Amino acid sequence: MSEPDPNASDSELRARLGSLKSAIKRAEESDKPGASSVGQDKALAGAMSSGFRAATDLAGGIIAGALIGYLGDRWLGTSPFLLIAFMVIGTIAGFRSVYRLGSRPTSGSKGDPKED
């Protein structure tokens, strides 16, 4: 681009400024994807949060059950019996927690009392 003319009139400079502003506005609008918005980004973040929470609840239930069973076996000397029993109980508790997490209503559902 060439250097602006120092002798240009005020109206010419205002016209150039207006055209630059409109060009910048068009460029910003074209950079934004049409399908992506802030609301969708928040929805994706909420879904990822729920997914990580479900995985953590499931793994935590299994690990806690196995740990309790292992320590109980060492204390009572009943080698694999309590480990297996408490691992099954921990797995059931983990799946129950994931089920409860998945069955609760989301903020965007029709039955949400906040939207009424």
PDB file of N, CA and C in Angstrom:
ATOM      1  N   MET A   1       0.835  -1.172   0.000  1.00  0.00           N
ATOM      2  CA  MET A   1       0.000   0.000   0.000  1.00  0.00           C
ATOM      3  C   MET A   1       0.875   1.228   0.000  1.00  0.00           C
ATOM      4  N   SER A   2       0.402   2.259  -0.592  1.00  0.00           N
ATOM      5  CA  SER A   2       1.156   3.502  -0.654  1.00  0.00           C
ATOM      6  C   SER A   2       0.893   4.335   0.587  1.00  0.00           C
ATOM      7  N   GLU A   3       1.798   5.237   0.854  1.00  0.00           N
ATOM      8  CA  GLU A   3       1.664   6.142   1.987  1.00  0.00           C
ATOM      9  C   GLU A   3       0.512   7.104   1.748  1.00  0.00           C
ATOM     10  N   PRO A   4      -0.238   7.487   2.783  1.00  0.00           N
ATOM     11  CA  PRO A   4      -1.332   8.441   2.598  1.00  0.00           C
ATOM     12  C   PRO A   4      -0.781   9.820   2.231  1.00  0.00           C
ATOM     13  N   ASP A   5      -1.546  10.505   1.422  1.00  0.00           N
ATOM     14  CA  ASP A   5      -1.159  11.840   0.977  1.00  0.00           C
ATOM     15  C   ASP A   5      -1.320  12.812   2.136  1.00  0.00           C
ATOM     16  N   PRO A   6      -0.234  13.534   2.529  1.00  0.00           N
ATOM     17  CA  PRO A   6      -0.356  14.457   3.662  1.00  0.00           C
ATOM     18  C   PRO A   6      -1.241  15.649   3.341  1.00  0.00           C
ATOM     19  N   ASN A   7      -1.500  15.898   2.062  1.00  0.00           N
ATOM     20  CA  ASN A   7      -2.329  17.027   1.670  1.00  0.00           C
ATOM     21  C   ASN A   7      -3.780  16.617   1.423  1.00  0.00           C
ATOM     22  N   ALA A   8      -4.170  15.377   1.766  1.00  0.00           N
ATOM     23  CA  ALA A   8      -5.535  14.908   1.514  1.00  0.00           C
ATOM     24  C   ALA A   8      -6.510  15.675   2.392  1.00  0.00           C
ATOM     25  N   SER A   9      -7.691  15.876   1.868  1.00  0.00           N
ATOM     26  CA  SER A   9      -8.690  16.632   2.612  1.00  0.00           C
ATOM     27  C   SER A   9      -9.309  15.772   3.708  1.00  0.00           C
ATOM     28  N   ASP A  10      -9.956  16.430   4.630  1.00  0.00           N
ATOM     29  CA  ASP A  10     -10.574  15.759   5.762  1.00  0.00           C
ATOM     30  C   ASP A  10     -11.665  14.787   5.303  1.00  0.00           C
ATOM     31  N   SER A  11     -12.445  15.159   4.300  1.00  0.00           N
ATOM     32  CA  SER A  11     -13.522  14.282   3.828  1.00  0.00           C
ATOM     33  C   SER A  11     -12.958  13.031   3.166  1.00  0.00           C
ATOM     34  N   GLU A  12     -11.834  13.150   2.459  1.00  0.00           N
ATOM     35  CA  GLU A  12     -11.210  11.964   1.851  1.00  0.00           C
ATOM     36  C   GLU A  12     -10.701  11.011   2.932  1.00  0.00           C
ATOM     37  N   LEU A  13     -10.104  11.581   3.982  1.00  0.00           N
ATOM     38  CA  LEU A  13      -9.594  10.742   5.066  1.00  0.00           C
ATOM     39  C   LEU A  13     -10.744  10.042   5.811  1.00  0.00           C
ATOM     40  N   ARG A  14     -11.860  10.736   6.015  1.00  0.00           N
ATOM     41  CA  ARG A  14     -13.013  10.119   6.662  1.00  0.00           C
ATOM     42  C   ARG A  14     -13.592   8.995   5.806  1.00  0.00           C
ATOM     43  N   ALA A  15     -13.613   9.186   4.495  1.00  0.00           N
ATOM     44  CA  ALA A  15     -14.112   8.147   3.591  1.00  0.00           C
ATOM     45  C   ALA A  15     -13.214   6.916   3.641  1.00  0.00           C
ATOM     46  N   ARG A  16     -11.904   7.126   3.658  1.00  0.00           N
ATOM     47  CA  ARG A  16     -10.968   5.999   3.744  1.00  0.00           C
ATOM     48  C   ARG A  16     -11.108   5.277   5.082  1.00  0.00           C
ATOM     49  N   LEU A  17     -11.273   6.075   6.155  1.00  0.00           N
ATOM     50  CA  LEU A  17     -11.447   5.470   7.470  1.00  0.00           C
ATOM     51  C   LEU A  17     -12.712   4.626   7.521  1.00  0.00           C
ATOM     52  N   GLY A  18     -13.799   5.115   6.953  1.00  0.00           N
ATOM     53  CA  GLY A  18     -15.049   4.357   6.912  1.00  0.00           C
ATOM     54  C   GLY A  18     -14.917   3.069   6.123  1.00  0.00           C
ATOM     55  N   SER A  19     -14.205   3.119   4.989  1.00  0.00           N
ATOM     56  CA  SER A  19     -14.039   1.900   4.192  1.00  0.00           C
ATOM     57  C   SER A  19     -13.156   0.893   4.918  1.00  0.00           C
ATOM     58  N   LEU A  20     -12.141   1.381   5.642  1.00  0.00           N
ATOM     59  CA  LEU A  20     -11.300   0.469   6.417  1.00  0.00           C
ATOM     60  C   LEU A  20     -12.086  -0.187   7.552  1.00  0.00           C
ATOM     61  N   LYS A  21     -12.933   0.593   8.220  1.00  0.00           N
ATOM     62  CA  LYS A  21     -13.753   0.025   9.296  1.00  0.00           C
ATOM     63  C   LYS A  21     -14.690  -1.052   8.768  1.00  0.00           C
ATOM     64  N   SER A  22     -15.306  -0.806   7.623  1.00  0.00           N
ATOM     65  CA  SER A  22     -16.213  -1.808   7.065  1.00  0.00           C
ATOM     66  C   SER A  22     -15.445  -3.044   6.605  1.00  0.00           C
ATOM     67  N   ALA A  23     -14.240  -2.873   6.078  1.00  0.00           N
ATOM     68  CA  ALA A  23     -13.428  -4.019   5.671  1.00  0.00           C
ATOM     69  C   ALA A  23     -13.023  -4.857   6.878  1.00  0.00           C
ATOM     70  N   ILE A  24     -12.668  -4.188   7.970  1.00  0.00           N
ATOM     71  CA  ILE A  24     -12.295  -4.911   9.193  1.00  0.00           C
ATOM     72  C   ILE A  24     -13.499  -5.664   9.738  1.00  0.00           C
ATOM     73  N   LYS A  25     -14.662  -5.043   9.714  1.00  0.00           N
ATOM     74  CA  LYS A  25     -15.875  -5.691  10.208  1.00  0.00           C
ATOM     75  C   LYS A  25     -16.200  -6.937   9.385  1.00  0.00           C
ATOM     76  N   ARG A  26     -16.095  -6.842   8.052  1.00  0.00           N
ATOM     77  CA  ARG A  26     -16.347  -8.006   7.182  1.00  0.00           C
ATOM     78  C   ARG A  26     -15.341  -9.109   7.455  1.00  0.00           C
ATOM     79  N   ALA A  27     -14.071  -8.746   7.669  1.00  0.00           N
ATOM     80  CA  ALA A  27     -13.032  -9.745   7.929  1.00  0.00           C
ATOM     81  C   ALA A  27     -13.286 -10.466   9.251  1.00  0.00           C
ATOM     82  N   GLU A  28     -13.716  -9.726  10.282  1.00  0.00           N
ATOM     83  CA  GLU A  28     -14.009 -10.355  11.569  1.00  0.00           C
ATOM     84  C   GLU A  28     -15.195 -11.295  11.463  1.00  0.00           C
ATOM     85  N   GLU A  29     -16.213 -10.912  10.706  1.00  0.00           N
ATOM     86  CA  GLU A  29     -17.385 -11.761  10.553  1.00  0.00           C
ATOM     87  C   GLU A  29     -17.070 -13.017   9.759  1.00  0.00           C
ATOM     88  N   SER A  30     -16.168 -12.917   8.790  1.00  0.00           N
ATOM     89  CA  SER A  30     -15.829 -14.096   7.989  1.00  0.00           C
ATOM     90  C   SER A  30     -14.925 -15.050   8.755  1.00  0.00           C
ATOM     91  N   ASP A  31     -14.199 -14.534   9.754  1.00  0.00           N
ATOM     92  CA  ASP A  31     -13.337 -15.401  10.556  1.00  0.00           C
ATOM     93  C   ASP A  31     -14.127 -16.275  11.507  1.00  0.00           C
ATOM     94  N   LYS A  32     -15.303 -15.820  11.930  1.00  0.00           N
ATOM     95  CA  LYS A  32     -16.127 -16.592  12.852  1.00  0.00           C
ATOM     96  C   LYS A  32     -16.851 -17.689  12.087  1.00  0.00           C
ATOM     97  N   PRO A  33     -16.692 -18.954  12.522  1.00  0.00           N
ATOM     98  CA  PRO A  33     -17.473 -20.005  11.880  1.00  0.00           C
ATOM     99  C   PRO A  33     -18.951 -19.833  12.212  1.00  0.00           C
ATOM    100  N   GLY A  34     -19.799 -20.103  11.255  1.00  0.00           N
ATOM    101  CA  GLY A  34     -21.231 -19.888  11.439  1.00  0.00           C
ATOM    102  C   GLY A  34     -21.852 -20.785  12.487  1.00  0.00           C
ATOM    103  N   ALA A  35     -21.364 -22.012  12.633  1.00  0.00           N
ATOM    104  CA  ALA A  35     -21.990 -22.954  13.554  1.00  0.00           C
ATOM    105  C   ALA A  35     -21.465 -22.820  14.977  1.00  0.00           C
ATOM    106  N   SER A  36     -20.307 -22.232  15.155  1.00  0.00           N
ATOM    107  CA  SER A  36     -19.714 -22.149  16.487  1.00  0.00           C
ATOM    108  C   SER A  36     -20.091 -20.836  17.146  1.00  0.00           C
ATOM    109  N   SER A  37     -20.494 -20.934  18.399  1.00  0.00           N
ATOM    110  CA  SER A  37     -20.825 -19.742  19.157  1.00  0.00           C
ATOM    111  C   SER A  37     -20.446 -19.970  20.609  1.00  0.00           C
ATOM    112  N   VAL A  38     -20.592 -18.946  21.393  1.00  0.00           N
ATOM    113  CA  VAL A  38     -20.235 -19.050  22.806  1.00  0.00           C
ATOM    114  C   VAL A  38     -21.122 -20.073  23.513  1.00  0.00           C
ATOM    115  N   GLY A  39     -22.401 -20.110  23.174  1.00  0.00           N
ATOM    116  CA  GLY A  39     -23.315 -21.063  23.801  1.00  0.00           C
ATOM    117  C   GLY A  39     -22.938 -22.505  23.521  1.00  0.00           C
ATOM    118  N   GLN A  40     -22.492 -22.762  22.282  1.00  0.00           N
ATOM    119  CA  GLN A  40     -22.080 -24.123  21.945  1.00  0.00           C
ATOM    120  C   GLN A  40     -20.779 -24.482  22.637  1.00  0.00           C
ATOM    121  N   ASP A  41     -19.883 -23.513  22.805  1.00  0.00           N
ATOM    122  CA  ASP A  41     -18.644 -23.788  23.521  1.00  0.00           C
ATOM    123  C   ASP A  41     -18.924 -24.134  24.975  1.00  0.00           C
ATOM    124  N   LYS A  42     -19.878 -23.435  25.590  1.00  0.00           N
ATOM    125  CA  LYS A  42     -20.247 -23.738  26.972  1.00  0.00           C
ATOM    126  C   LYS A  42     -20.907 -25.104  27.068  1.00  0.00           C
ATOM    127  N   ALA A  43     -21.713 -25.464  26.072  1.00  0.00           N
ATOM    128  CA  ALA A  43     -22.369 -26.768  26.077  1.00  0.00           C
ATOM    129  C   ALA A  43     -21.328 -27.884  25.951  1.00  0.00           C
ATOM    130  N   LEU A  44     -20.320 -27.665  25.100  1.00  0.00           N
ATOM    131  CA  LEU A  44     -19.259 -28.655  24.945  1.00  0.00           C
ATOM    132  C   LEU A  44     -18.464 -28.791  26.242  1.00  0.00           C
ATOM    133  N   ALA A  45     -18.177 -27.672  26.877  1.00  0.00           N
ATOM    134  CA  ALA A  45     -17.443 -27.717  28.139  1.00  0.00           C
ATOM    135  C   ALA A  45     -18.248 -28.446  29.212  1.00  0.00           C
ATOM    136  N   GLY A  46     -19.558 -28.210  29.244  1.00  0.00           N
ATOM    137  CA  GLY A  46     -20.403 -28.911  30.215  1.00  0.00           C
ATOM    138  C   GLY A  46     -20.460 -30.402  29.955  1.00  0.00           C
ATOM    139  N   ALA A  47     -20.515 -30.780  28.678  1.00  0.00           N
ATOM    140  CA  ALA A  47     -20.546 -32.198  28.336  1.00  0.00           C
ATOM    141  C   ALA A  47     -19.228 -32.878  28.699  1.00  0.00           C
ATOM    142  N   MET A  48     -18.119 -32.198  28.430  1.00  0.00           N
ATOM    143  CA  MET A  48     -16.821 -32.769  28.796  1.00  0.00           C
ATOM    144  C   MET A  48     -16.684 -32.893  30.306  1.00  0.00           C
ATOM    145  N   SER A  49     -17.189 -31.900  31.031  1.00  0.00           N
ATOM    146  CA  SER A  49     -17.141 -31.950  32.488  1.00  0.00           C
ATOM    147  C   SER A  49     -17.934 -33.141  33.016  1.00  0.00           C
ATOM    148  N   SER A  50     -19.117 -33.356  32.457  1.00  0.00           N
ATOM    149  CA  SER A  50     -19.937 -34.494  32.884  1.00  0.00           C
ATOM    150  C   SER A  50     -19.263 -35.818  32.536  1.00  0.00           C
ATOM    151  N   GLY A  51     -18.627 -35.883  31.392  1.00  0.00           N
ATOM    152  CA  GLY A  51     -17.935 -37.110  30.992  1.00  0.00           C
ATOM    153  C   GLY A  51     -16.765 -37.430  31.904  1.00  0.00           C
ATOM    154  N   PHE A  52     -15.970 -36.412  32.228  1.00  0.00           N
ATOM    155  CA  PHE A  52     -14.849 -36.641  33.138  1.00  0.00           C
ATOM    156  C   PHE A  52     -15.339 -37.006  34.535  1.00  0.00           C
ATOM    157  N   ARG A  53     -16.436 -36.394  34.952  1.00  0.00           N
ATOM    158  CA  ARG A  53     -16.991 -36.722  36.266  1.00  0.00           C
ATOM    159  C   ARG A  53     -17.472 -38.166  36.296  1.00  0.00           C
ATOM    160  N   ALA A  54     -18.121 -38.614  35.214  1.00  0.00           N
ATOM    161  CA  ALA A  54     -18.607 -39.995  35.158  1.00  0.00           C
ATOM    162  C   ALA A  54     -17.441 -40.975  35.196  1.00  0.00           C
ATOM    163  N   ALA A  55     -16.388 -40.694  34.435  1.00  0.00           N
ATOM    164  CA  ALA A  55     -15.222 -41.587  34.427  1.00  0.00           C
ATOM    165  C   ALA A  55     -14.550 -41.632  35.788  1.00  0.00           C
ATOM    166  N   THR A  56     -14.459 -40.489  36.441  1.00  0.00           N
ATOM    167  CA  THR A  56     -13.843 -40.429  37.769  1.00  0.00           C
ATOM    168  C   THR A  56     -14.680 -41.169  38.801  1.00  0.00           C
ATOM    169  N   ASP A  57     -15.995 -40.999  38.748  1.00  0.00           N
ATOM    170  CA  ASP A  57     -16.866 -41.707  39.689  1.00  0.00           C
ATOM    171  C   ASP A  57     -16.755 -43.220  39.521  1.00  0.00           C
ATOM    172  N   LEU A  58     -16.729 -43.678  38.285  1.00  0.00           N
ATOM    173  CA  LEU A  58     -16.633 -45.112  38.031  1.00  0.00           C
ATOM    174  C   LEU A  58     -15.287 -45.663  38.502  1.00  0.00           C
ATOM    175  N   ALA A  59     -14.202 -44.992  38.104  1.00  0.00           N
ATOM    176  CA  ALA A  59     -12.870 -45.462  38.500  1.00  0.00           C
ATOM    177  C   ALA A  59     -12.689 -45.367  40.007  1.00  0.00           C
ATOM    178  N   GLY A  60     -13.202 -44.299  40.612  1.00  0.00           N
ATOM    179  CA  GLY A  60     -13.073 -44.151  42.060  1.00  0.00           C
ATOM    180  C   GLY A  60     -13.803 -45.236  42.828  1.00  0.00           C
ATOM    181  N   GLY A  61     -14.989 -45.610  42.350  1.00  0.00           N
ATOM    182  CA  GLY A  61     -15.732 -46.681  43.014  1.00  0.00           C
ATOM    183  C   GLY A  61     -15.006 -48.009  42.946  1.00  0.00           C
ATOM    184  N   ILE A  62     -14.452 -48.314  41.788  1.00  0.00           N
ATOM    185  CA  ILE A  62     -13.724 -49.581  41.621  1.00  0.00           C
ATOM    186  C   ILE A  62     -12.458 -49.593  42.476  1.00  0.00           C
ATOM    187  N   ILE A  63     -11.710 -48.488  42.428  1.00  0.00           N
ATOM    188  CA  ILE A  63     -10.452 -48.429  43.187  1.00  0.00           C
ATOM    189  C   ILE A  63     -10.715 -48.463  44.688  1.00  0.00           C
ATOM    190  N   ALA A  64     -11.715 -47.717  45.141  1.00  0.00           N
ATOM    191  CA  ALA A  64     -12.029 -47.721  46.579  1.00  0.00           C
ATOM    192  C   ALA A  64     -12.470 -49.107  47.038  1.00  0.00           C
ATOM    193  N   GLY A  65     -13.314 -49.760  46.247  1.00  0.00           N
ATOM    194  CA  GLY A  65     -13.743 -51.115  46.612  1.00  0.00           C
ATOM    195  C   GLY A  65     -12.588 -52.097  46.662  1.00  0.00           C
ATOM    196  N   ALA A  66     -11.696 -52.009  45.670  1.00  0.00           N
ATOM    197  CA  ALA A  66     -10.541 -52.916  45.646  1.00  0.00           C
ATOM    198  C   ALA A  66      -9.622 -52.650  46.833  1.00  0.00           C
ATOM    199  N   LEU A  67      -9.424 -51.386  47.173  1.00  0.00           N
ATOM    200  CA  LEU A  67      -8.558 -51.056  48.300  1.00  0.00           C
ATOM    201  C   LEU A  67      -9.151 -51.547  49.620  1.00  0.00           C
ATOM    202  N   ILE A  68     -10.424 -51.328  49.821  1.00  0.00           N
ATOM    203  CA  ILE A  68     -11.072 -51.803  51.052  1.00  0.00           C
ATOM    204  C   ILE A  68     -11.013 -53.332  51.127  1.00  0.00           C
ATOM    205  N   GLY A  69     -11.270 -54.000  50.008  1.00  0.00           N
ATOM    206  CA  GLY A  69     -11.209 -55.462  49.987  1.00  0.00           C
ATOM    207  C   GLY A  69      -9.812 -55.990  50.253  1.00  0.00           C
ATOM    208  N   TYR A  70      -8.806 -55.354  49.660  1.00  0.00           N
ATOM    209  CA  TYR A  70      -7.417 -55.779  49.860  1.00  0.00           C
ATOM    210  C   TYR A  70      -7.009 -55.623  51.325  1.00  0.00           C
ATOM    211  N   LEU A  71      -7.328 -54.457  51.897  1.00  0.00           N
ATOM    212  CA  LEU A  71      -6.968 -54.237  53.305  1.00  0.00           C
ATOM    213  C   LEU A  71      -7.750 -55.180  54.226  1.00  0.00           C
ATOM    214  N   GLY A  72      -9.008 -55.444  53.917  1.00  0.00           N
ATOM    215  CA  GLY A  72      -9.788 -56.393  54.711  1.00  0.00           C
ATOM    216  C   GLY A  72      -9.221 -57.799  54.618  1.00  0.00           C
ATOM    217  N   ASP A  73      -8.769 -58.205  53.425  1.00  0.00           N
ATOM    218  CA  ASP A  73      -8.160 -59.529  53.264  1.00  0.00           C
ATOM    219  C   ASP A  73      -6.860 -59.642  54.060  1.00  0.00           C
ATOM    220  N   ARG A  74      -6.074 -58.579  54.047  1.00  0.00           N
ATOM    221  CA  ARG A  74      -4.818 -58.621  54.808  1.00  0.00           C
ATOM    222  C   ARG A  74      -5.093 -58.694  56.305  1.00  0.00           C
ATOM    223  N   TRP A  75      -6.110 -57.982  56.768  1.00  0.00           N
ATOM    224  CA  TRP A  75      -6.422 -57.936  58.190  1.00  0.00           C
ATOM    225  C   TRP A  75      -7.024 -59.255  58.676  1.00  0.00           C
ATOM    226  N   LEU A  76      -7.945 -59.834  57.857  1.00  0.00           N
ATOM    227  CA  LEU A  76      -8.625 -61.060  58.267  1.00  0.00           C
ATOM    228  C   LEU A  76      -7.979 -62.325  57.724  1.00  0.00           C
ATOM    229  N   GLY A  77      -7.078 -62.198  56.751  1.00  0.00           N
ATOM    230  CA  GLY A  77      -6.413 -63.370  56.177  1.00  0.00           C
ATOM    231  C   GLY A  77      -7.313 -64.201  55.284  1.00  0.00           C
ATOM    232  N   THR A  78      -8.256 -63.568  54.602  1.00  0.00           N
ATOM    233  CA  THR A  78      -9.191 -64.287  53.729  1.00  0.00           C
ATOM    234  C   THR A  78      -8.856 -64.049  52.263  1.00  0.00           C
ATOM    235  N   SER A  79      -7.613 -64.178  51.918  1.00  0.00           N
ATOM    236  CA  SER A  79      -6.959 -63.817  50.669  1.00  0.00           C
ATOM    237  C   SER A  79      -7.821 -63.162  49.584  1.00  0.00           C
ATOM    238  N   PRO A  80      -8.424 -63.851  48.614  1.00  0.00           N
ATOM    239  CA  PRO A  80      -9.052 -63.049  47.556  1.00  0.00           C
ATOM    240  C   PRO A  80     -10.534 -62.772  47.776  1.00  0.00           C
ATOM    241  N   PHE A  81     -11.132 -63.322  48.833  1.00  0.00           N
ATOM    242  CA  PHE A  81     -12.586 -63.236  48.973  1.00  0.00           C
ATOM    243  C   PHE A  81     -13.084 -61.798  49.122  1.00  0.00           C
ATOM    244  N   LEU A  82     -12.564 -61.050  50.087  1.00  0.00           N
ATOM    245  CA  LEU A  82     -13.030 -59.681  50.303  1.00  0.00           C
ATOM    246  C   LEU A  82     -12.625 -58.748  49.159  1.00  0.00           C
ATOM    247  N   LEU A  83     -11.466 -58.994  48.562  1.00  0.00           N
ATOM    248  CA  LEU A  83     -11.034 -58.178  47.428  1.00  0.00           C
ATOM    249  C   LEU A  83     -12.053 -58.275  46.290  1.00  0.00           C
ATOM    250  N   ILE A  84     -12.443 -59.494  45.960  1.00  0.00           N
ATOM    251  CA  ILE A  84     -13.411 -59.687  44.875  1.00  0.00           C
ATOM    252  C   ILE A  84     -14.777 -59.112  45.269  1.00  0.00           C
ATOM    253  N   ALA A  85     -15.218 -59.371  46.489  1.00  0.00           N
ATOM    254  CA  ALA A  85     -16.535 -58.906  46.927  1.00  0.00           C
ATOM    255  C   ALA A  85     -16.616 -57.387  46.930  1.00  0.00           C
ATOM    256  N   PHE A  86     -15.615 -56.727  47.502  1.00  0.00           N
ATOM    257  CA  PHE A  86     -15.663 -55.278  47.560  1.00  0.00           C
ATOM    258  C   PHE A  86     -15.389 -54.623  46.200  1.00  0.00           C
ATOM    259  N   MET A  87     -14.644 -55.290  45.335  1.00  0.00           N
ATOM    260  CA  MET A  87     -14.466 -54.751  43.988  1.00  0.00           C
ATOM    261  C   MET A  87     -15.790 -54.777  43.228  1.00  0.00           C
ATOM    262  N   VAL A  88     -16.566 -55.844  43.412  1.00  0.00           N
ATOM    263  CA  VAL A  88     -17.898 -55.906  42.792  1.00  0.00           C
ATOM    264  C   VAL A  88     -18.801 -54.823  43.380  1.00  0.00           C
ATOM    265  N   ILE A  89     -18.765 -54.652  44.697  1.00  0.00           N
ATOM    266  CA  ILE A  89     -19.582 -53.615  45.335  1.00  0.00           C
ATOM    267  C   ILE A  89     -19.148 -52.227  44.842  1.00  0.00           C
ATOM    268  N   GLY A  90     -17.841 -51.989  44.736  1.00  0.00           N
ATOM    269  CA  GLY A  90     -17.345 -50.704  44.237  1.00  0.00           C
ATOM    270  C   GLY A  90     -17.738 -50.449  42.795  1.00  0.00           C
ATOM    271  N   THR A  91     -17.741 -51.498  41.978  1.00  0.00           N
ATOM    272  CA  THR A  91     -18.153 -51.366  40.581  1.00  0.00           C
ATOM    273  C   THR A  91     -19.637 -51.020  40.492  1.00  0.00           C
ATOM    274  N   ILE A  92     -20.444 -51.698  41.302  1.00  0.00           N
ATOM    275  CA  ILE A  92     -21.876 -51.399  41.318  1.00  0.00           C
ATOM    276  C   ILE A  92     -22.109 -49.954  41.779  1.00  0.00           C
ATOM    277  N   ALA A  93     -21.386 -49.530  42.812  1.00  0.00           N
ATOM    278  CA  ALA A  93     -21.529 -48.155  43.297  1.00  0.00           C
ATOM    279  C   ALA A  93     -21.087 -47.147  42.231  1.00  0.00           C
ATOM    280  N   GLY A  94     -20.021 -47.462  41.505  1.00  0.00           N
ATOM    281  CA  GLY A  94     -19.567 -46.571  40.435  1.00  0.00           C
ATOM    282  C   GLY A  94     -20.574 -46.464  39.308  1.00  0.00           C
ATOM    283  N   PHE A  95     -21.129 -47.597  38.889  1.00  0.00           N
ATOM    284  CA  PHE A  95     -22.155 -47.567  37.838  1.00  0.00           C
ATOM    285  C   PHE A  95     -23.422 -46.842  38.303  1.00  0.00           C
ATOM    286  N   ARG A  96     -23.772 -47.014  39.578  1.00  0.00           N
ATOM    287  CA  ARG A  96     -24.947 -46.310  40.110  1.00  0.00           C
ATOM    288  C   ARG A  96     -24.719 -44.804  40.094  1.00  0.00           C
ATOM    289  N   SER A  97     -23.526 -44.383  40.441  1.00  0.00           N
ATOM    290  CA  SER A  97     -23.200 -42.962  40.436  1.00  0.00           C
ATOM    291  C   SER A  97     -23.242 -42.396  39.013  1.00  0.00           C
ATOM    292  N   VAL A  98     -22.720 -43.150  38.049  1.00  0.00           N
ATOM    293  CA  VAL A  98     -22.754 -42.715  36.648  1.00  0.00           C
ATOM    294  C   VAL A  98     -24.192 -42.661  36.152  1.00  0.00           C
ATOM    295  N   TYR A  99     -25.003 -43.621  36.548  1.00  0.00           N
ATOM    296  CA  TYR A  99     -26.416 -43.625  36.138  1.00  0.00           C
ATOM    297  C   TYR A  99     -27.143 -42.410  36.698  1.00  0.00           C
ATOM    298  N   ARG A 100     -26.920 -42.107  37.973  1.00  0.00           N
ATOM    299  CA  ARG A 100     -27.568 -40.933  38.568  1.00  0.00           C
ATOM    300  C   ARG A 100     -27.097 -39.649  37.897  1.00  0.00           C
ATOM    301  N   LEU A 101     -25.821 -39.574  37.540  1.00  0.00           N
ATOM    302  CA  LEU A 101     -25.303 -38.398  36.853  1.00  0.00           C
ATOM    303  C   LEU A 101     -25.943 -38.245  35.478  1.00  0.00           C
ATOM    304  N   GLY A 102     -26.134 -39.350  34.784  1.00  0.00           N
ATOM    305  CA  GLY A 102     -26.723 -39.297  33.454  1.00  0.00           C
ATOM    306  C   GLY A 102     -28.220 -39.098  33.447  1.00  0.00           C
ATOM    307  N   SER A 103     -28.899 -39.445  34.530  1.00  0.00           N
ATOM    308  CA  SER A 103     -30.356 -39.337  34.543  1.00  0.00           C
ATOM    309  C   SER A 103     -30.863 -38.011  35.084  1.00  0.00           C
ATOM    310  N   ARG A 104     -29.989 -37.175  35.630  1.00  0.00           N
ATOM    311  CA  ARG A 104     -30.469 -35.882  36.130  1.00  0.00           C
ATOM    312  C   ARG A 104     -30.713 -34.943  34.955  1.00  0.00           C
ATOM    313  N   PRO A 105     -31.678 -34.053  35.086  1.00  0.00           N
ATOM    314  CA  PRO A 105     -32.009 -33.157  33.966  1.00  0.00           C
ATOM    315  C   PRO A 105     -30.893 -32.154  33.714  1.00  0.00           C
ATOM    316  N   THR A 106     -30.713 -31.810  32.448  1.00  0.00           N
ATOM    317  CA  THR A 106     -29.711 -30.822  32.085  1.00  0.00           C
ATOM    318  C   THR A 106     -30.331 -29.437  32.119  1.00  0.00           C
ATOM    319  N   SER A 107     -29.517 -28.405  32.040  1.00  0.00           N
ATOM    320  CA  SER A 107     -30.026 -27.040  32.125  1.00  0.00           C
ATOM    321  C   SER A 107     -30.805 -26.633  30.883  1.00  0.00           C
ATOM    322  N   GLY A 108     -30.625 -27.315  29.767  1.00  0.00           N
ATOM    323  CA  GLY A 108     -31.328 -26.954  28.555  1.00  0.00           C
ATOM    324  C   GLY A 108     -32.590 -27.742  28.304  1.00  0.00           C
ATOM    325  N   SER A 109     -33.009 -28.593  29.254  1.00  0.00           N
ATOM    326  CA  SER A 109     -34.184 -29.423  29.021  1.00  0.00           C
ATOM    327  C   SER A 109     -35.459 -28.619  29.212  1.00  0.00           C
ATOM    328  N   LYS A 110     -36.565 -29.142  28.660  1.00  0.00           N
ATOM    329  CA  LYS A 110     -37.848 -28.434  28.705  1.00  0.00           C
ATOM    330  C   LYS A 110     -38.415 -28.336  30.110  1.00  0.00           C
ATOM    331  N   GLY A 111     -38.105 -29.293  30.958  1.00  0.00           N
ATOM    332  CA  GLY A 111     -38.664 -29.308  32.301  1.00  0.00           C
ATOM    333  C   GLY A 111     -37.872 -28.507  33.307  1.00  0.00           C
ATOM    334  N   ASP A 112     -36.927 -27.715  32.852  1.00  0.00           N
ATOM    335  CA  ASP A 112     -36.088 -26.960  33.745  1.00  0.00           C
ATOM    336  C   ASP A 112     -36.878 -25.834  34.415  1.00  0.00           C
ATOM    337  N   PRO A 113     -36.958 -25.778  35.734  1.00  0.00           N
ATOM    338  CA  PRO A 113     -37.766 -24.758  36.392  1.00  0.00           C
ATOM    339  C   PRO A 113     -37.164 -23.357  36.267  1.00  0.00           C
ATOM    340  N   LYS A 114     -35.873 -23.229  35.962  1.00  0.00           N
ATOM    341  CA  LYS A 114     -35.259 -21.917  35.847  1.00  0.00           C
ATOM    342  C   LYS A 114     -35.774 -21.138  34.640  1.00  0.00           C
ATOM    343  N   GLU A 115     -36.210 -21.835  33.600  1.00  0.00           N
ATOM    344  CA  GLU A 115     -36.645 -21.172  32.380  1.00  0.00           C
ATOM    345  C   GLU A 115     -38.083 -20.717  32.430  1.00  0.00           C
ATOM    346  N   ASP A 116     -38.883 -21.171  33.406  1.00  0.00           N
ATOM    347  CA  ASP A 116     -40.298 -20.796  33.493  1.00  0.00           C
ATOM    348  C   ASP A 116     -40.479 -19.400  34.040  1.00  0.00           C
TER     349      ASP A 116
END
